Amino acid sequence: MNRILRCPECGSYGLKKECSCKSERISNKPPKYSPEDKYGSYRRTVKYGK
């Protein structure tokens, strides 16, 4: 089963590894949720700037 991939260059989605803009698509899977998030403080700093 193929998974949907996203191109970081043009933002398009597809099932093939190579995008039409000749860039390689990557997995669009988000990180798993964990209450003991080791990197949560870093993500909040980037998102909210504090």
PDB file of N, CA and C in Angstrom:
ATOM      1  N   MET A   1       0.845  -1.185   0.000  1.00  0.00           N
ATOM      2  CA  MET A   1       0.000   0.000   0.000  1.00  0.00           C
ATOM      3  C   MET A   1       0.884   1.240   0.000  1.00  0.00           C
ATOM      4  N   ASN A   2       0.621   2.141  -0.917  1.00  0.00           N
ATOM      5  CA  ASN A   2       1.378   3.385  -0.987  1.00  0.00           C
ATOM      6  C   ASN A   2       0.819   4.401  -0.009  1.00  0.00           C
ATOM      7  N   ARG A   3       1.690   5.227   0.471  1.00  0.00           N
ATOM      8  CA  ARG A   3       1.283   6.313   1.359  1.00  0.00           C
ATOM      9  C   ARG A   3       1.435   7.626   0.614  1.00  0.00           C
ATOM     10  N   ILE A   4       0.625   8.593   1.001  1.00  0.00           N
ATOM     11  CA  ILE A   4       0.675   9.890   0.338  1.00  0.00           C
ATOM     12  C   ILE A   4       1.953  10.618   0.738  1.00  0.00           C
ATOM     13  N   LEU A   5       2.586  11.243  -0.230  1.00  0.00           N
ATOM     14  CA  LEU A   5       3.840  11.952  -0.027  1.00  0.00           C
ATOM     15  C   LEU A   5       3.647  13.420  -0.383  1.00  0.00           C
ATOM     16  N   ARG A   6       4.473  14.292   0.197  1.00  0.00           N
ATOM     17  CA  ARG A   6       4.380  15.732  -0.044  1.00  0.00           C
ATOM     18  C   ARG A   6       5.718  16.246  -0.552  1.00  0.00           C
ATOM     19  N   CYS A   7       5.656  17.132  -1.528  1.00  0.00           N
ATOM     20  CA  CYS A   7       6.858  17.750  -2.080  1.00  0.00           C
ATOM     21  C   CYS A   7       7.190  18.992  -1.256  1.00  0.00           C
ATOM     22  N   PRO A   8       8.392  19.080  -0.686  1.00  0.00           N
ATOM     23  CA  PRO A   8       8.747  20.259   0.106  1.00  0.00           C
ATOM     24  C   PRO A   8       8.992  21.504  -0.748  1.00  0.00           C
ATOM     25  N   GLU A   9       9.272  21.328  -2.038  1.00  0.00           N
ATOM     26  CA  GLU A   9       9.559  22.464  -2.919  1.00  0.00           C
ATOM     27  C   GLU A   9       8.281  23.175  -3.373  1.00  0.00           C
ATOM     28  N   CYS A  10       7.357  22.415  -3.967  1.00  0.00           N
ATOM     29  CA  CYS A  10       6.157  23.053  -4.532  1.00  0.00           C
ATOM     30  C   CYS A  10       4.903  22.821  -3.693  1.00  0.00           C
ATOM     31  N   GLY A  11       4.956  21.902  -2.725  1.00  0.00           N
ATOM     32  CA  GLY A  11       3.819  21.677  -1.833  1.00  0.00           C
ATOM     33  C   GLY A  11       2.761  20.736  -2.377  1.00  0.00           C
ATOM     34  N   SER A  12       3.020  20.083  -3.503  1.00  0.00           N
ATOM     35  CA  SER A  12       2.034  19.169  -4.073  1.00  0.00           C
ATOM     36  C   SER A  12       2.089  17.818  -3.364  1.00  0.00           C
ATOM     37  N   TYR A  13       1.004  17.054  -3.492  1.00  0.00           N
ATOM     38  CA  TYR A  13       0.899  15.734  -2.893  1.00  0.00           C
ATOM     39  C   TYR A  13       0.800  14.693  -3.992  1.00  0.00           C
ATOM     40  N   GLY A  14       1.260  13.475  -3.704  1.00  0.00           N
ATOM     41  CA  GLY A  14       1.174  12.401  -4.679  1.00  0.00           C
ATOM     42  C   GLY A  14       1.674  11.099  -4.096  1.00  0.00           C
ATOM     43  N   LEU A  15       1.627  10.052  -4.915  1.00  0.00           N
ATOM     44  CA  LEU A  15       2.055   8.727  -4.481  1.00  0.00           C
ATOM     45  C   LEU A  15       3.438   8.351  -5.004  1.00  0.00           C
ATOM     46  N   LYS A  16       3.918   9.044  -6.033  1.00  0.00           N
ATOM     47  CA  LYS A  16       5.238   8.754  -6.588  1.00  0.00           C
ATOM     48  C   LYS A  16       6.317   9.473  -5.790  1.00  0.00           C
ATOM     49  N   LYS A  17       7.520   8.871  -5.736  1.00  0.00           N
ATOM     50  CA  LYS A  17       8.642   9.460  -4.997  1.00  0.00           C
ATOM     51  C   LYS A  17       9.138  10.749  -5.637  1.00  0.00           C
ATOM     52  N   GLU A  18       9.087  10.830  -6.970  1.00  0.00           N
ATOM     53  CA  GLU A  18       9.588  12.017  -7.661  1.00  0.00           C
ATOM     54  C   GLU A  18       8.424  12.910  -8.073  1.00  0.00           C
ATOM     55  N   CYS A  19       8.543  14.182  -7.772  1.00  0.00           N
ATOM     56  CA  CYS A  19       7.517  15.173  -8.093  1.00  0.00           C
ATOM     57  C   CYS A  19       7.698  15.651  -9.535  1.00  0.00           C
ATOM     58  N   SER A  20       6.691  16.307 -10.085  1.00  0.00           N
ATOM     59  CA  SER A  20       6.794  16.845 -11.445  1.00  0.00           C
ATOM     60  C   SER A  20       7.778  18.010 -11.522  1.00  0.00           C
ATOM     61  N   CYS A  21       8.110  18.626 -10.370  1.00  0.00           N
ATOM     62  CA  CYS A  21       9.104  19.711 -10.354  1.00  0.00           C
ATOM     63  C   CYS A  21      10.519  19.159 -10.191  1.00  0.00           C
ATOM     64  N   LYS A  22      10.686  17.839 -10.332  1.00  0.00           N
ATOM     65  CA  LYS A  22      11.974  17.133 -10.263  1.00  0.00           C
ATOM     66  C   LYS A  22      12.579  17.116  -8.855  1.00  0.00           C
ATOM     67  N   SER A  23      11.765  17.338  -7.837  1.00  0.00           N
ATOM     68  CA  SER A  23      12.203  17.245  -6.451  1.00  0.00           C
ATOM     69  C   SER A  23      11.693  15.923  -5.883  1.00  0.00           C
ATOM     70  N   GLU A  24      12.278  15.456  -4.796  1.00  0.00           N
ATOM     71  CA  GLU A  24      11.851  14.206  -4.186  1.00  0.00           C
ATOM     72  C   GLU A  24      10.801  14.481  -3.122  1.00  0.00           C
ATOM     73  N   ARG A  25       9.687  13.744  -3.194  1.00  0.00           N
ATOM     74  CA  ARG A  25       8.629  13.886  -2.198  1.00  0.00           C
ATOM     75  C   ARG A  25       9.011  13.140  -0.930  1.00  0.00           C
ATOM     76  N   ILE A  26       8.532  13.648   0.212  1.00  0.00           N
ATOM     77  CA  ILE A  26       8.821  13.032   1.504  1.00  0.00           C
ATOM     78  C   ILE A  26       7.514  12.667   2.197  1.00  0.00           C
ATOM     79  N   SER A  27       7.605  11.850   3.231  1.00  0.00           N
ATOM     80  CA  SER A  27       6.437  11.426   3.989  1.00  0.00           C
ATOM     81  C   SER A  27       5.810  12.616   4.698  1.00  0.00           C
ATOM     82  N   ASN A  28       4.489  12.615   4.767  1.00  0.00           N
ATOM     83  CA  ASN A  28       3.758  13.705   5.393  1.00  0.00           C
ATOM     84  C   ASN A  28       3.229  13.293   6.767  1.00  0.00           C
ATOM     85  N   LYS A  29       3.822  12.277   7.354  1.00  0.00           N
ATOM     86  CA  LYS A  29       3.344  11.733   8.618  1.00  0.00           C
ATOM     87  C   LYS A  29       3.778  12.618   9.785  1.00  0.00           C
ATOM     88  N   PRO A  30       2.842  13.054  10.628  1.00  0.00           N
ATOM     89  CA  PRO A  30       3.220  13.861  11.791  1.00  0.00           C
ATOM     90  C   PRO A  30       3.841  12.993  12.884  1.00  0.00           C
ATOM     91  N   PRO A  31       4.576  13.586  13.814  1.00  0.00           N
ATOM     92  CA  PRO A  31       5.135  12.792  14.909  1.00  0.00           C
ATOM     93  C   PRO A  31       4.037  12.276  15.826  1.00  0.00           C
ATOM     94  N   LYS A  32       4.280  11.149  16.484  1.00  0.00           N
ATOM     95  CA  LYS A  32       3.311  10.591  17.420  1.00  0.00           C
ATOM     96  C   LYS A  32       3.148  11.503  18.623  1.00  0.00           C
ATOM     97  N   TYR A  33       1.928  11.539  19.172  1.00  0.00           N
ATOM     98  CA  TYR A  33       1.669  12.338  20.366  1.00  0.00           C
ATOM     99  C   TYR A  33       2.161  11.582  21.593  1.00  0.00           C
ATOM    100  N   SER A  34       2.784  12.310  22.498  1.00  0.00           N
ATOM    101  CA  SER A  34       3.225  11.741  23.759  1.00  0.00           C
ATOM    102  C   SER A  34       3.094  12.804  24.842  1.00  0.00           C
ATOM    103  N   PRO A  35       2.481  12.474  25.984  1.00  0.00           N
ATOM    104  CA  PRO A  35       2.396  13.458  27.073  1.00  0.00           C
ATOM    105  C   PRO A  35       3.774  13.849  27.601  1.00  0.00           C
ATOM    106  N   GLU A  36       4.734  12.936  27.553  1.00  0.00           N
ATOM    107  CA  GLU A  36       6.104  13.238  27.973  1.00  0.00           C
ATOM    108  C   GLU A  36       6.915  13.628  26.740  1.00  0.00           C
ATOM    109  N   ASP A  37       6.493  14.682  26.060  1.00  0.00           N
ATOM    110  CA  ASP A  37       7.117  15.118  24.817  1.00  0.00           C
ATOM    111  C   ASP A  37       8.474  15.757  25.100  1.00  0.00           C
ATOM    112  N   LYS A  38       9.540  15.108  24.624  1.00  0.00           N
ATOM    113  CA  LYS A  38      10.896  15.610  24.871  1.00  0.00           C
ATOM    114  C   LYS A  38      11.169  16.907  24.127  1.00  0.00           C
ATOM    115  N   TYR A  39      10.557  17.089  22.962  1.00  0.00           N
ATOM    116  CA  TYR A  39      10.857  18.237  22.120  1.00  0.00           C
ATOM    117  C   TYR A  39       9.711  19.246  22.064  1.00  0.00           C
ATOM    118  N   GLY A  40       8.706  19.103  22.912  1.00  0.00           N
ATOM    119  CA  GLY A  40       7.551  19.995  22.908  1.00  0.00           C
ATOM    120  C   GLY A  40       7.906  21.436  23.193  1.00  0.00           C
ATOM    121  N   SER A  41       8.833  21.657  24.111  1.00  0.00           N
ATOM    122  CA  SER A  41       9.213  23.039  24.435  1.00  0.00           C
ATOM    123  C   SER A  41       9.868  23.716  23.232  1.00  0.00           C
ATOM    124  N   TYR A  42      10.637  22.963  22.451  1.00  0.00           N
ATOM    125  CA  TYR A  42      11.268  23.529  21.258  1.00  0.00           C
ATOM    126  C   TYR A  42      10.215  23.886  20.204  1.00  0.00           C
ATOM    127  N   ARG A  43       9.236  22.994  20.002  1.00  0.00           N
ATOM    128  CA  ARG A  43       8.186  23.261  19.021  1.00  0.00           C
ATOM    129  C   ARG A  43       7.347  24.468  19.414  1.00  0.00           C
ATOM    130  N   ARG A  44       7.028  24.595  20.698  1.00  0.00           N
ATOM    131  CA  ARG A  44       6.251  25.751  21.146  1.00  0.00           C
ATOM    132  C   ARG A  44       7.045  27.041  20.996  1.00  0.00           C
ATOM    133  N   THR A  45       8.349  26.982  21.217  1.00  0.00           N
ATOM    134  CA  THR A  45       9.194  28.167  21.038  1.00  0.00           C
ATOM    135  C   THR A  45       9.188  28.615  19.580  1.00  0.00           C
ATOM    136  N   VAL A  46       9.283  27.670  18.665  1.00  0.00           N
ATOM    137  CA  VAL A  46       9.276  28.005  17.245  1.00  0.00           C
ATOM    138  C   VAL A  46       7.906  28.534  16.827  1.00  0.00           C
ATOM    139  N   LYS A  47       6.838  27.912  17.330  1.00  0.00           N
ATOM    140  CA  LYS A  47       5.494  28.296  16.914  1.00  0.00           C
ATOM    141  C   LYS A  47       5.053  29.629  17.507  1.00  0.00           C
ATOM    142  N   TYR A  48       5.315  29.842  18.803  1.00  0.00           N
ATOM    143  CA  TYR A  48       4.811  31.028  19.489  1.00  0.00           C
ATOM    144  C   TYR A  48       5.879  32.075  19.770  1.00  0.00           C
ATOM    145  N   GLY A  49       7.136  31.734  19.622  1.00  0.00           N
ATOM    146  CA  GLY A  49       8.213  32.704  19.769  1.00  0.00           C
ATOM    147  C   GLY A  49       8.554  33.086  21.186  1.00  0.00           C
ATOM    148  N   LYS A  50       8.279  32.232  22.142  1.00  0.00           N
ATOM    149  CA  LYS A  50       8.606  32.557  23.540  1.00  0.00           C
ATOM    150  C   LYS A  50       9.708  31.669  24.045  1.00  0.00           C
TER     151      LYS A  50
END
